Amino acid sequence: MVDVGKWPIFTLLSPQEVASIRKACVFGTSANEALYVTDNDEVFVFGLNYSNCLGTGDNQSTLVPKKLEALCGKKIKSLSYGSGPHVLLSTEDGVVYAWGHNGYSQLGNGTTNQGIAPIQVCTNLLIKQVVEVACGSHHSMALAADGEVFAWGYNNCGQVGSGSTANQPTPRKVTNCLHVKRVVGIACGQTSSMAVLDSGEIVCGYAHTLALTDEGLLYAWGANTYGQLGTGNKNNLLNPEHIMVEKERVVEIAACHSTHISAAKTQGGHVYMWGQCRGQSVTLPHLTHFSCTDDVFACFATPAVSWRLLSVEHEDFLTVAESLKKEFDSPETADLKFRIDGKYVHVHKAVLKIRCEHFRSMFQSYWNEDMKEVIEIDQFSYPVYRAFLQYLYTDSVDLPPEDAIGLLDLATSYCENRLKKLCQHIIKCGITVENAFSLFSAAVRYDAEDLEEFCFKFCINHLTEVTQTAAFWQMDGPLLKEFIAKASKCGAFKN
């Protein structure tokens, strides 16, 4: 599962907004722009908005996510971005949208006008179902479901595959040697375009290329200024060279044109990285502690972009502790009820027997309670007893100090020493001038000597304020006299 919180830009969002994310992409020359799709298939963007790369139509930067109405409900499948920047995406229905910088017609609309909002790329793609898109620095590519590849935009090095160096204003089918091949994937780099044949996979970085064969072999070529080819040196390669990754079979490779970094995942689940990692040159594949290649770019790439559209899968898996907490007071699964002050709490005998010696003894065959479906409780209040039962499921207590006194009494009766300490901690942390004397009275009543001494000292240290509270004057005579006598002995009234 990908955690988008690893990308710094997502710290701008609230926890609720982050929790709603299902797909996301971080892009831009400084990783200052982001697009995400929610579980309701709504599309939001936020960030710097350089060259209208957010597609909001107003050229304004925003720290507050803005909804792209034109893309909501479109079910985005593939997304890529160029250095301009420009953004290209395709939907599950095979429709292509583009926006952003358009100085070289990389938006595919036949003009060089900047795209301030998502527009549908039509022309030759109108009759095709596109399954994947890719962006170079200033050109674009699209892969059709039937294996045909289209390219358009900047073409100074022939990257659109037209056989010339003239810029291509609209999508044009790449033919040449590909017309007899079925292409299953594409990727673009800074100055090159690549098509993935059915024999493997290929991705591009700023000016380097990685290729993966169907045998799990990794090849690299191109720029190597930072060791991004993984050859052990910084020499550029004009031809593909086999790169060893600890003699393991590679199943995934990753790179993007906005950073000089490479990554690979092996069949054994190991993730390696190399290239410019946080300003350092790593010239050989280095084993990381990550479980996916996306984390490499989040934590070590500069800037911290994402190399592909991230899929955020929120798992439904619960730990044992989370499952117990979820099932507390659940009528659907409970096999026992406690009735306190006319109210019911649903529990599970097995859990109570495992967690508490009192219940382990109670649910023996010679106890009447073992045969009952409802057990009446009259010696403790509903808030106190419910809190106790919930503690057995969660190991935590959420009670005000006044009720924690009652829970302290219960913990003493049931010999729950850890719970006693927890109650005393709650009371000590929650003591105030207004409730101090009430807590002192309760500590005396329940023979909690340590707590009694703590409350007494608090009252002495705030004597003037405590003696002016209603709780002080509402105490019964004997307790009040006892307090005054004890306070006198420690010099509280010497003046």
Protein backbone atom coordinates (compact mmCIF):
# COMPACT_ATOMS: atom_id res chain seq x y z
CA MET A 1 0.00 0.00 0.00
CA VAL A 2 1.34 3.47 -0.91
CA ASP A 3 1.32 6.07 1.84
CA VAL A 4 1.05 9.51 0.21
CA GLY A 5 2.21 11.11 3.46
CA LYS A 6 5.76 10.27 2.40
CA TRP A 7 5.56 13.03 -0.22
CA PRO A 8 6.04 16.41 1.58
CA ILE A 9 3.40 18.24 -0.46
CA PHE A 10 0.62 16.07 1.01
CA THR A 11 1.35 17.42 4.50
CA LEU A 12 -0.65 20.46 3.35
CA LEU A 13 -3.83 18.37 3.40
CA SER A 14 -5.99 17.55 6.39
CA PRO A 15 -6.13 13.95 7.68
CA GLN A 16 -9.67 13.67 6.29
CA GLU A 17 -8.52 14.76 2.81
CA VAL A 18 -5.58 12.33 2.86
CA ALA A 19 -7.86 9.49 3.95
CA SER A 20 -10.07 10.05 0.89
CA ILE A 21 -7.24 9.67 -1.66
CA ARG A 22 -7.30 6.63 -3.96
CA LYS A 23 -4.91 7.77 -6.71
CA ALA A 24 -2.33 10.54 -6.73
CA CYS A 25 0.58 12.05 -8.63
CA VAL A 26 3.24 14.55 -7.51
CA PHE A 27 4.97 16.52 -10.27
CA GLY A 28 6.69 19.78 -11.15
CA THR A 29 10.30 20.96 -11.18
CA SER A 30 10.24 21.25 -7.37
CA ALA A 31 7.52 18.66 -6.65
CA ASN A 32 5.21 21.57 -5.84
CA GLU A 33 2.15 20.36 -7.74
CA ALA A 34 -0.14 17.41 -7.07
CA LEU A 35 -3.28 15.81 -8.44
CA TYR A 36 -5.35 13.25 -6.59
CA VAL A 37 -8.53 11.23 -7.10
CA THR A 38 -10.84 10.49 -4.17
CA ASP A 39 -12.85 7.37 -3.37
CA ASN A 40 -15.85 9.20 -4.87
CA ASP A 41 -13.89 9.63 -8.13
CA GLU A 42 -13.59 13.38 -7.65
CA VAL A 43 -10.38 14.97 -8.96
CA PHE A 44 -8.53 17.67 -7.01
CA VAL A 45 -5.32 19.62 -7.66
CA PHE A 46 -3.21 21.95 -5.53
CA GLY A 47 0.23 23.52 -5.51
CA LEU A 48 2.29 26.12 -7.36
CA ASN A 49 0.39 26.04 -10.71
CA TYR A 50 3.43 26.95 -12.85
CA SER A 51 2.37 27.34 -16.51
CA ASN A 52 -1.20 26.37 -15.59
CA CYS A 53 -0.07 22.82 -14.85
CA LEU A 54 -2.94 22.44 -12.34
CA GLY A 55 -5.56 22.99 -15.03
CA THR A 56 -7.74 25.17 -12.81
CA GLY A 57 -8.21 27.83 -15.49
CA ASP A 58 -7.10 30.77 -13.34
CA ASN A 59 -3.29 30.42 -13.25
CA GLN A 60 -3.42 30.88 -9.47
CA SER A 61 -1.38 28.83 -7.01
CA THR A 62 -3.38 27.24 -4.22
CA LEU A 63 -2.65 25.43 -0.96
CA VAL A 64 -6.31 24.48 -0.76
CA PRO A 65 -7.30 21.63 -3.11
CA LYS A 66 -9.44 22.72 -6.05
CA LYS A 67 -11.83 20.37 -7.80
CA LEU A 68 -11.39 19.76 -11.54
CA GLU A 69 -15.03 19.31 -12.48
CA ALA A 70 -14.15 18.34 -16.05
CA LEU A 71 -12.40 15.19 -14.80
CA CYS A 72 -14.66 14.15 -11.93
CA GLY A 73 -16.23 10.77 -12.55
CA LYS A 74 -13.93 10.03 -15.51
CA LYS A 75 -12.01 7.18 -13.78
CA ILE A 76 -8.42 8.19 -14.50
CA LYS A 77 -6.24 5.22 -15.47
CA SER A 78 -2.88 6.62 -16.61
CA LEU A 79 -1.18 9.98 -15.98
CA SER A 80 2.14 11.49 -17.00
CA TYR A 81 3.76 14.93 -16.98
CA GLY A 82 6.47 16.79 -18.87
CA SER A 83 9.05 19.41 -17.94
CA GLY A 84 7.12 22.36 -19.41
CA PRO A 85 5.20 21.38 -17.45
CA HIS A 86 2.31 19.76 -19.23
CA VAL A 87 0.04 16.98 -18.01
CA LEU A 88 -1.45 14.11 -19.97
CA LEU A 89 -3.92 11.51 -18.73
CA SER A 90 -6.18 8.77 -20.03
CA THR A 91 -9.38 7.38 -18.55
CA GLU A 92 -10.67 3.83 -18.26
CA ASP A 93 -12.90 4.64 -21.24
CA GLY A 94 -9.79 5.33 -23.33
CA VAL A 95 -10.22 9.11 -23.58
CA VAL A 96 -7.13 11.38 -23.40
CA TYR A 97 -7.02 14.80 -21.70
CA ALA A 98 -4.17 17.33 -21.62
CA TRP A 99 -3.32 20.78 -20.23
CA GLY A 100 -0.38 23.03 -19.31
CA HIS A 101 2.57 24.27 -21.36
CA ASN A 102 2.02 23.99 -25.11
CA GLY A 103 4.89 25.84 -26.76
CA TYR A 104 5.62 22.80 -28.96
CA SER A 105 2.03 21.56 -29.45
CA GLN A 106 2.59 18.86 -26.82
CA LEU A 107 -1.11 19.10 -25.90
CA GLY A 108 -2.00 17.72 -29.30
CA ASN A 109 -4.63 20.31 -30.18
CA GLY A 110 -2.82 21.68 -33.24
CA THR A 111 -1.93 25.01 -31.59
CA THR A 112 0.79 26.40 -29.33
CA ASN A 113 -1.68 28.10 -27.01
CA GLN A 114 -1.25 27.29 -23.36
CA GLY A 115 -3.88 24.93 -21.94
CA ILE A 116 -5.38 26.47 -18.83
CA ALA A 117 -7.85 23.62 -18.23
CA PRO A 118 -8.19 19.95 -19.26
CA ILE A 119 -9.07 19.52 -22.92
CA GLN A 120 -9.86 16.30 -24.73
CA VAL A 121 -7.17 15.28 -27.22
CA CYS A 122 -9.13 14.32 -30.32
CA THR A 123 -7.96 14.17 -33.93
CA ASN A 124 -6.45 10.73 -34.63
CA LEU A 125 -7.08 9.53 -31.09
CA LEU A 126 -10.81 10.13 -31.27
CA ILE A 127 -11.50 6.72 -32.76
CA LYS A 128 -8.96 4.92 -30.56
CA GLN A 129 -9.19 3.59 -27.05
CA VAL A 130 -6.03 4.73 -25.28
CA VAL A 131 -4.70 2.50 -22.48
CA GLU A 132 -1.56 4.42 -21.49
CA VAL A 133 0.02 7.87 -21.88
CA ALA A 134 3.55 9.18 -21.43
CA CYS A 135 5.23 12.59 -21.50
CA GLY A 136 8.73 13.62 -22.48
CA SER A 137 10.05 17.05 -21.63
CA HIS A 138 7.95 18.73 -24.36
CA HIS A 139 6.36 15.89 -26.31
CA SER A 140 3.65 13.33 -25.66
CA MET A 141 2.76 9.74 -26.49
CA ALA A 142 -0.31 7.56 -26.28
CA LEU A 143 -0.71 3.80 -26.59
CA ALA A 144 -3.93 2.45 -28.11
CA ALA A 145 -5.58 -0.77 -27.02
CA ASP A 146 -4.81 -2.33 -30.41
CA GLY A 147 -1.07 -1.73 -29.89
CA GLU A 148 -0.70 1.36 -32.07
CA VAL A 149 1.47 4.17 -30.73
CA PHE A 150 0.84 7.88 -31.30
CA ALA A 151 3.25 10.75 -30.64
CA TRP A 152 3.20 14.54 -30.94
CA GLY A 153 4.93 17.74 -29.80
CA TYR A 154 8.63 18.68 -29.71
CA ASN A 155 10.70 16.71 -32.19
CA ASN A 156 14.24 18.13 -32.26
CA CYS A 157 15.77 14.66 -31.99
CA GLY A 158 13.06 12.79 -33.86
CA GLN A 159 11.41 11.66 -30.63
CA VAL A 160 7.91 11.59 -32.12
CA GLY A 161 9.01 8.96 -34.61
CA SER A 162 7.91 10.79 -37.74
CA GLY A 163 11.16 10.35 -39.65
CA SER A 164 11.99 14.07 -39.44
CA THR A 165 12.86 16.69 -36.84
CA ALA A 166 9.83 18.88 -37.50
CA ASN A 167 7.52 19.39 -34.53
CA GLN A 168 4.28 17.40 -34.65
CA PRO A 169 1.20 19.54 -33.76
CA THR A 170 -1.29 16.66 -33.47
CA PRO A 171 -1.09 12.95 -32.57
CA ARG A 172 0.55 10.95 -35.36
CA LYS A 173 0.88 7.18 -35.51
CA VAL A 174 4.43 5.96 -35.03
CA THR A 175 5.12 3.48 -37.81
CA ASN A 176 8.60 2.61 -39.08
CA CYS A 177 9.68 -0.69 -37.48
CA LEU A 178 6.77 -0.72 -35.03
CA HIS A 179 4.08 -1.38 -37.59
CA VAL A 180 4.67 -5.14 -37.31
CA LYS A 181 4.95 -5.16 -33.52
CA ARG A 182 2.33 -5.15 -30.80
CA VAL A 183 3.27 -2.53 -28.22
CA VAL A 184 2.12 -3.07 -24.64
CA GLY A 185 3.66 -0.09 -22.82
CA ILE A 186 5.34 3.28 -23.37
CA ALA A 187 7.50 5.81 -21.54
CA CYS A 188 9.21 9.10 -22.33
CA GLY A 189 12.39 10.80 -21.21
CA GLN A 190 13.91 14.25 -21.55
CA THR A 191 15.10 13.77 -25.12
CA SER A 192 13.86 10.37 -26.14
CA SER A 193 10.72 8.34 -26.69
CA MET A 194 10.44 4.67 -25.98
CA ALA A 195 7.90 1.98 -26.78
CA VAL A 196 7.62 -1.24 -24.81
CA LEU A 197 7.25 -4.36 -26.90
CA ASP A 198 5.62 -7.54 -25.71
CA SER A 199 9.05 -8.83 -24.70
CA GLY A 200 9.41 -6.57 -21.66
CA GLU A 201 9.18 -3.11 -20.12
CA ILE A 202 10.98 0.20 -20.52
CA VAL A 203 11.07 3.52 -18.62
CA CYS A 204 12.99 6.75 -19.07
CA GLY A 205 14.65 9.20 -16.74
CA TYR A 206 15.86 12.73 -17.36
CA ALA A 207 18.16 11.53 -20.13
CA HIS A 208 18.64 7.83 -19.44
CA THR A 209 16.67 4.71 -20.24
CA LEU A 210 16.04 1.44 -18.41
CA ALA A 211 14.72 -1.66 -20.14
CA LEU A 212 13.44 -4.92 -18.66
CA THR A 213 13.15 -8.12 -20.65
CA ASP A 214 10.64 -10.89 -20.16
CA GLU A 215 13.47 -12.91 -18.61
CA GLY A 216 13.87 -10.42 -15.78
CA LEU A 217 17.09 -8.90 -17.14
CA LEU A 218 17.77 -5.17 -16.70
CA TYR A 219 19.46 -3.04 -19.36
CA ALA A 220 20.40 0.66 -19.26
CA TRP A 221 21.79 3.32 -21.58
CA GLY A 222 22.04 7.09 -21.98
CA ALA A 223 23.27 9.78 -19.58
CA ASN A 224 25.16 8.61 -16.51
CA THR A 225 26.41 11.78 -14.82
CA TYR A 226 25.13 10.66 -11.42
CA GLY A 227 25.51 6.91 -11.81
CA GLN A 228 21.87 6.50 -12.77
CA LEU A 229 22.69 3.63 -15.17
CA GLY A 230 23.97 1.46 -12.31
CA THR A 231 27.19 0.43 -14.08
CA GLY A 232 29.52 1.31 -11.21
CA ASN A 233 30.89 4.39 -12.98
CA LYS A 234 29.65 7.68 -14.47
CA ASN A 235 30.38 7.04 -18.14
CA ASN A 236 27.53 7.56 -20.60
CA LEU A 237 26.39 4.58 -22.66
CA LEU A 238 25.28 4.81 -26.29
CA ASN A 239 24.13 1.20 -26.35
CA PRO A 240 22.20 -0.94 -23.85
CA GLU A 241 24.29 -2.69 -21.20
CA HIS A 242 23.14 -5.45 -18.86
CA ILE A 243 22.94 -4.29 -15.22
CA MET A 244 23.28 -6.89 -12.47
CA VAL A 245 20.94 -6.51 -9.48
CA GLU A 246 22.36 -9.02 -6.99
CA LYS A 247 21.69 -11.91 -9.39
CA GLU A 248 17.94 -11.54 -8.78
CA ARG A 249 15.19 -11.55 -11.38
CA VAL A 250 13.84 -8.00 -11.86
CA VAL A 251 10.07 -7.62 -12.12
CA GLU A 252 9.67 -3.81 -12.12
CA ILE A 253 11.80 -0.82 -13.09
CA ALA A 254 11.22 2.86 -12.36
CA ALA A 255 12.54 6.24 -13.52
CA CYS A 256 11.15 9.65 -14.50
CA HIS A 257 12.52 12.61 -16.43
CA SER A 258 12.42 15.09 -13.53
CA THR A 259 15.10 13.32 -11.50
CA HIS A 260 18.38 11.44 -12.03
CA ILE A 261 17.41 8.34 -10.10
CA SER A 262 16.60 4.73 -10.96
CA ALA A 263 14.90 1.93 -9.05
CA ALA A 264 14.05 -1.73 -9.52
CA LYS A 265 12.06 -4.38 -7.67
CA THR A 266 13.05 -8.03 -7.78
CA GLN A 267 11.01 -11.20 -7.74
CA GLY A 268 11.98 -11.65 -4.10
CA GLY A 269 10.35 -8.33 -3.19
CA HIS A 270 13.64 -6.45 -2.74
CA VAL A 271 13.78 -2.81 -3.89
CA TYR A 272 17.05 -1.30 -5.17
CA MET A 273 17.92 2.28 -6.08
CA TRP A 274 20.86 4.10 -7.67
CA GLY A 275 21.73 7.46 -9.23
CA GLN A 276 21.37 10.89 -7.59
CA CYS A 277 20.02 10.00 -4.17
CA ARG A 278 19.67 13.06 -1.91
CA GLY A 279 22.57 14.77 -3.64
CA GLN A 280 24.86 11.73 -3.52
CA SER A 281 25.91 9.66 -6.53
CA VAL A 282 25.15 5.96 -6.10
CA THR A 283 26.67 4.18 -9.09
CA LEU A 284 25.59 0.60 -8.31
CA PRO A 285 22.14 -0.78 -7.36
CA HIS A 286 21.78 -0.34 -3.60
CA LEU A 287 19.40 -2.47 -1.53
CA THR A 288 16.80 -0.42 0.38
CA HIS A 289 14.34 -1.23 3.16
CA PHE A 290 11.40 -0.23 0.96
CA SER A 291 8.71 -2.58 -0.29
CA CYS A 292 7.82 -0.61 -3.44
CA THR A 293 9.65 1.57 -5.94
CA ASP A 294 7.33 4.51 -5.28
CA ASP A 295 8.93 4.99 -1.85
CA VAL A 296 12.34 5.46 -3.46
CA PHE A 297 11.15 8.58 -5.25
CA ALA A 298 9.27 9.87 -2.21
CA CYS A 299 12.26 9.61 0.10
CA PHE A 300 15.39 9.91 -2.05
CA ALA A 301 14.58 11.67 -5.32
CA THR A 302 15.23 15.39 -5.75
CA PRO A 303 12.59 16.69 -6.09
CA ALA A 304 10.31 14.19 -4.30
CA VAL A 305 8.04 13.43 -7.25
CA SER A 306 6.16 10.25 -8.14
CA TRP A 307 7.27 8.32 -11.20
CA ARG A 308 3.75 7.09 -11.99
CA LEU A 309 0.14 7.57 -10.95
CA LEU A 310 0.02 6.22 -7.41
CA SER A 311 -2.73 3.83 -6.41
CA VAL A 312 -3.58 4.19 -2.75
CA GLU A 313 -5.27 1.06 -1.48
CA HIS A 314 -6.69 1.54 1.99
CA GLU A 315 -6.58 -1.90 3.54
CA ASP A 316 -9.48 -3.32 5.53
CA PHE A 317 -7.10 -5.52 7.51
CA LEU A 318 -7.37 -5.15 11.29
CA THR A 319 -4.89 -6.27 13.90
CA VAL A 320 -6.06 -8.45 16.80
CA ALA A 321 -6.19 -5.41 19.06
CA GLU A 322 -8.17 -3.41 16.48
CA SER A 323 -10.59 -6.29 15.99
CA LEU A 324 -11.26 -6.61 19.72
CA LYS A 325 -11.83 -2.89 20.01
CA LYS A 326 -14.27 -2.98 17.09
CA GLU A 327 -16.32 -5.82 18.60
CA PHE A 328 -16.83 -4.26 22.02
CA ASP A 329 -20.54 -3.87 22.82
CA SER A 330 -21.48 -5.53 19.53
CA PRO A 331 -24.90 -7.27 19.69
CA GLU A 332 -24.11 -9.17 16.48
CA THR A 333 -21.28 -11.25 17.92
CA ALA A 334 -21.76 -11.03 21.72
CA ASP A 335 -22.85 -14.03 23.78
CA LEU A 336 -23.45 -12.20 27.08
CA LYS A 337 -25.06 -8.99 28.32
CA PHE A 338 -24.48 -6.97 31.48
CA ARG A 339 -27.40 -4.90 32.75
CA ILE A 340 -26.42 -1.81 34.76
CA ASP A 341 -28.86 0.93 35.76
CA GLY A 342 -31.32 -0.44 33.20
CA LYS A 343 -28.78 -0.27 30.34
CA TYR A 344 -27.05 -3.13 28.52
CA VAL A 345 -23.45 -3.75 27.50
CA HIS A 346 -22.79 -6.63 25.07
CA VAL A 347 -19.64 -8.67 25.63
CA HIS A 348 -17.96 -11.99 24.83
CA LYS A 349 -17.35 -14.50 27.61
CA ALA A 350 -14.15 -15.75 26.05
CA VAL A 351 -12.63 -12.25 25.98
CA LEU A 352 -13.56 -11.58 29.61
CA LYS A 353 -12.12 -14.92 30.76
CA ILE A 354 -8.87 -14.27 28.90
CA ARG A 355 -8.49 -10.71 30.18
CA CYS A 356 -9.71 -10.84 33.79
CA GLU A 357 -9.19 -13.34 36.63
CA HIS A 358 -12.49 -12.27 38.22
CA PHE A 359 -14.44 -13.40 35.14
CA ARG A 360 -12.32 -16.50 34.69
CA SER A 361 -13.49 -17.59 38.13
CA MET A 362 -17.05 -16.43 37.58
CA PHE A 363 -17.62 -18.44 34.43
CA GLN A 364 -17.01 -21.81 36.00
CA SER A 365 -19.67 -24.49 35.82
CA TYR A 366 -20.44 -24.22 39.52
CA TRP A 367 -21.21 -20.49 39.34
CA ASN A 368 -24.77 -19.42 38.51
CA GLU A 369 -23.45 -16.67 36.23
CA ASP A 370 -21.99 -19.24 33.86
CA MET A 371 -25.49 -20.24 32.71
CA LYS A 372 -26.94 -16.74 32.44
CA GLU A 373 -27.36 -14.69 29.27
CA VAL A 374 -27.85 -11.45 31.26
CA ILE A 375 -25.94 -10.54 34.42
CA GLU A 376 -27.23 -7.77 36.69
CA ILE A 377 -24.71 -5.35 38.19
CA ASP A 378 -25.88 -3.12 41.05
CA GLN A 379 -22.74 -2.22 43.00
CA PHE A 380 -21.28 0.06 40.31
CA SER A 381 -22.69 2.78 38.05
CA TYR A 382 -23.24 2.29 34.33
CA PRO A 383 -20.42 4.65 33.20
CA VAL A 384 -17.95 2.98 35.55
CA TYR A 385 -18.80 -0.62 34.68
CA ARG A 386 -18.99 0.05 30.95
CA ALA A 387 -15.58 1.74 31.13
CA PHE A 388 -14.21 -1.33 32.91
CA LEU A 389 -15.53 -3.73 30.27
CA GLN A 390 -14.25 -1.48 27.50
CA TYR A 391 -10.84 -1.43 29.17
CA LEU A 392 -10.71 -5.22 28.86
CA TYR A 393 -11.13 -4.83 25.08
CA THR A 394 -8.92 -1.77 24.52
CA ASP A 395 -6.41 -1.45 27.40
CA SER A 396 -7.44 2.19 27.73
CA VAL A 397 -9.85 4.27 29.84
CA ASP A 398 -11.75 7.37 28.78
CA LEU A 399 -13.43 8.76 31.89
CA PRO A 400 -13.49 12.10 33.74
CA PRO A 401 -11.57 12.12 37.05
CA GLU A 402 -14.79 11.98 39.10
CA ASP A 403 -15.88 8.69 37.46
CA ALA A 404 -12.34 7.34 37.51
CA ILE A 405 -12.64 7.28 41.30
CA GLY A 406 -15.49 4.76 40.98
CA LEU A 407 -13.46 2.74 38.50
CA LEU A 408 -10.60 2.77 40.98
CA ASP A 409 -12.92 1.17 43.54
CA LEU A 410 -13.92 -1.49 41.00
CA ALA A 411 -10.30 -2.17 40.07
CA THR A 412 -9.51 -2.66 43.75
CA SER A 413 -12.43 -5.06 44.20
CA TYR A 414 -11.46 -7.11 41.11
CA CYS A 415 -7.70 -7.04 41.90
CA GLU A 416 -6.88 -5.29 38.62
CA ASN A 417 -3.61 -3.61 39.61
CA ARG A 418 -2.80 -2.14 36.20
CA LEU A 419 -6.23 -0.58 36.01
CA LYS A 420 -5.77 0.88 39.50
CA LYS A 421 -2.60 2.64 38.39
CA LEU A 422 -4.29 3.88 35.23
CA CYS A 423 -7.21 5.32 37.25
CA GLN A 424 -4.91 7.09 39.66
CA HIS A 425 -3.01 8.58 36.74
CA ILE A 426 -6.26 9.89 35.21
CA ILE A 427 -7.29 11.43 38.52
CA LYS A 428 -3.93 13.06 39.17
CA CYS A 429 -3.82 14.52 35.65
CA GLY A 430 -7.42 15.77 35.90
CA ILE A 431 -7.39 17.35 39.35
CA THR A 432 -8.44 21.00 39.51
CA VAL A 433 -9.30 23.52 42.22
CA GLU A 434 -13.00 22.84 41.62
CA ASN A 435 -12.87 19.04 41.92
CA ALA A 436 -9.89 18.61 44.27
CA PHE A 437 -11.90 18.24 47.48
CA SER A 438 -14.39 15.86 45.85
CA LEU A 439 -11.52 13.68 44.66
CA PHE A 440 -9.94 13.82 48.12
CA SER A 441 -13.24 12.71 49.66
CA ALA A 442 -13.56 9.83 47.20
CA ALA A 443 -9.97 8.71 47.82
CA VAL A 444 -10.72 8.55 51.55
CA ARG A 445 -13.93 6.64 50.90
CA TYR A 446 -12.16 4.01 48.75
CA ASP A 447 -9.06 3.74 50.95
CA ALA A 448 -6.79 4.87 48.13
CA GLU A 449 -4.02 6.13 50.41
CA ASP A 450 -1.57 7.24 47.72
CA LEU A 451 -4.28 9.15 45.88
CA GLU A 452 -5.63 10.58 49.14
CA GLU A 453 -2.21 12.00 49.94
CA PHE A 454 -1.85 13.46 46.43
CA CYS A 455 -5.26 15.18 46.60
CA PHE A 456 -4.59 16.44 50.13
CA LYS A 457 -1.31 18.09 49.10
CA PHE A 458 -3.02 19.67 46.09
CA CYS A 459 -5.71 21.12 48.37
CA ILE A 460 -3.09 22.50 50.78
CA ASN A 461 -1.12 24.11 47.93
CA HIS A 462 -4.33 25.78 46.67
CA LEU A 463 -6.01 26.14 50.04
CA THR A 464 -7.59 29.56 49.57
CA GLU A 465 -9.19 28.63 46.25
CA VAL A 466 -10.27 25.15 47.41
CA THR A 467 -11.99 26.45 50.54
CA GLN A 468 -14.08 28.77 48.38
CA THR A 469 -15.54 25.97 46.25
CA ALA A 470 -18.99 24.50 46.77
CA ALA A 471 -17.49 21.01 47.07
CA PHE A 472 -15.54 22.05 50.18
CA TRP A 473 -18.59 23.30 52.08
CA GLN A 474 -20.83 20.45 50.95
CA MET A 475 -18.58 17.82 52.56
CA ASP A 476 -19.94 15.99 55.59
CA GLY A 477 -18.83 17.27 59.01
CA PRO A 478 -16.48 14.43 60.05
CA LEU A 479 -14.49 14.53 56.80
CA LEU A 480 -14.25 18.31 56.91
CA LYS A 481 -13.00 18.21 60.50
CA GLU A 482 -10.48 15.53 59.60
CA PHE A 483 -9.17 17.60 56.72
CA ILE A 484 -8.85 20.75 58.83
CA ALA A 485 -7.05 18.85 61.61
CA LYS A 486 -4.63 17.30 59.14
CA ALA A 487 -4.06 20.64 57.43
CA SER A 488 -3.36 22.28 60.78
CA LYS A 489 -0.71 19.69 61.65
CA CYS A 490 1.22 20.45 58.46
CA GLY A 491 1.17 24.19 59.21
CA ALA A 492 -1.50 25.32 56.75
CA PHE A 493 -2.96 27.79 59.29
CA LYS A 494 0.23 28.96 61.03
CA ASN A 495 -0.34 32.52 59.91
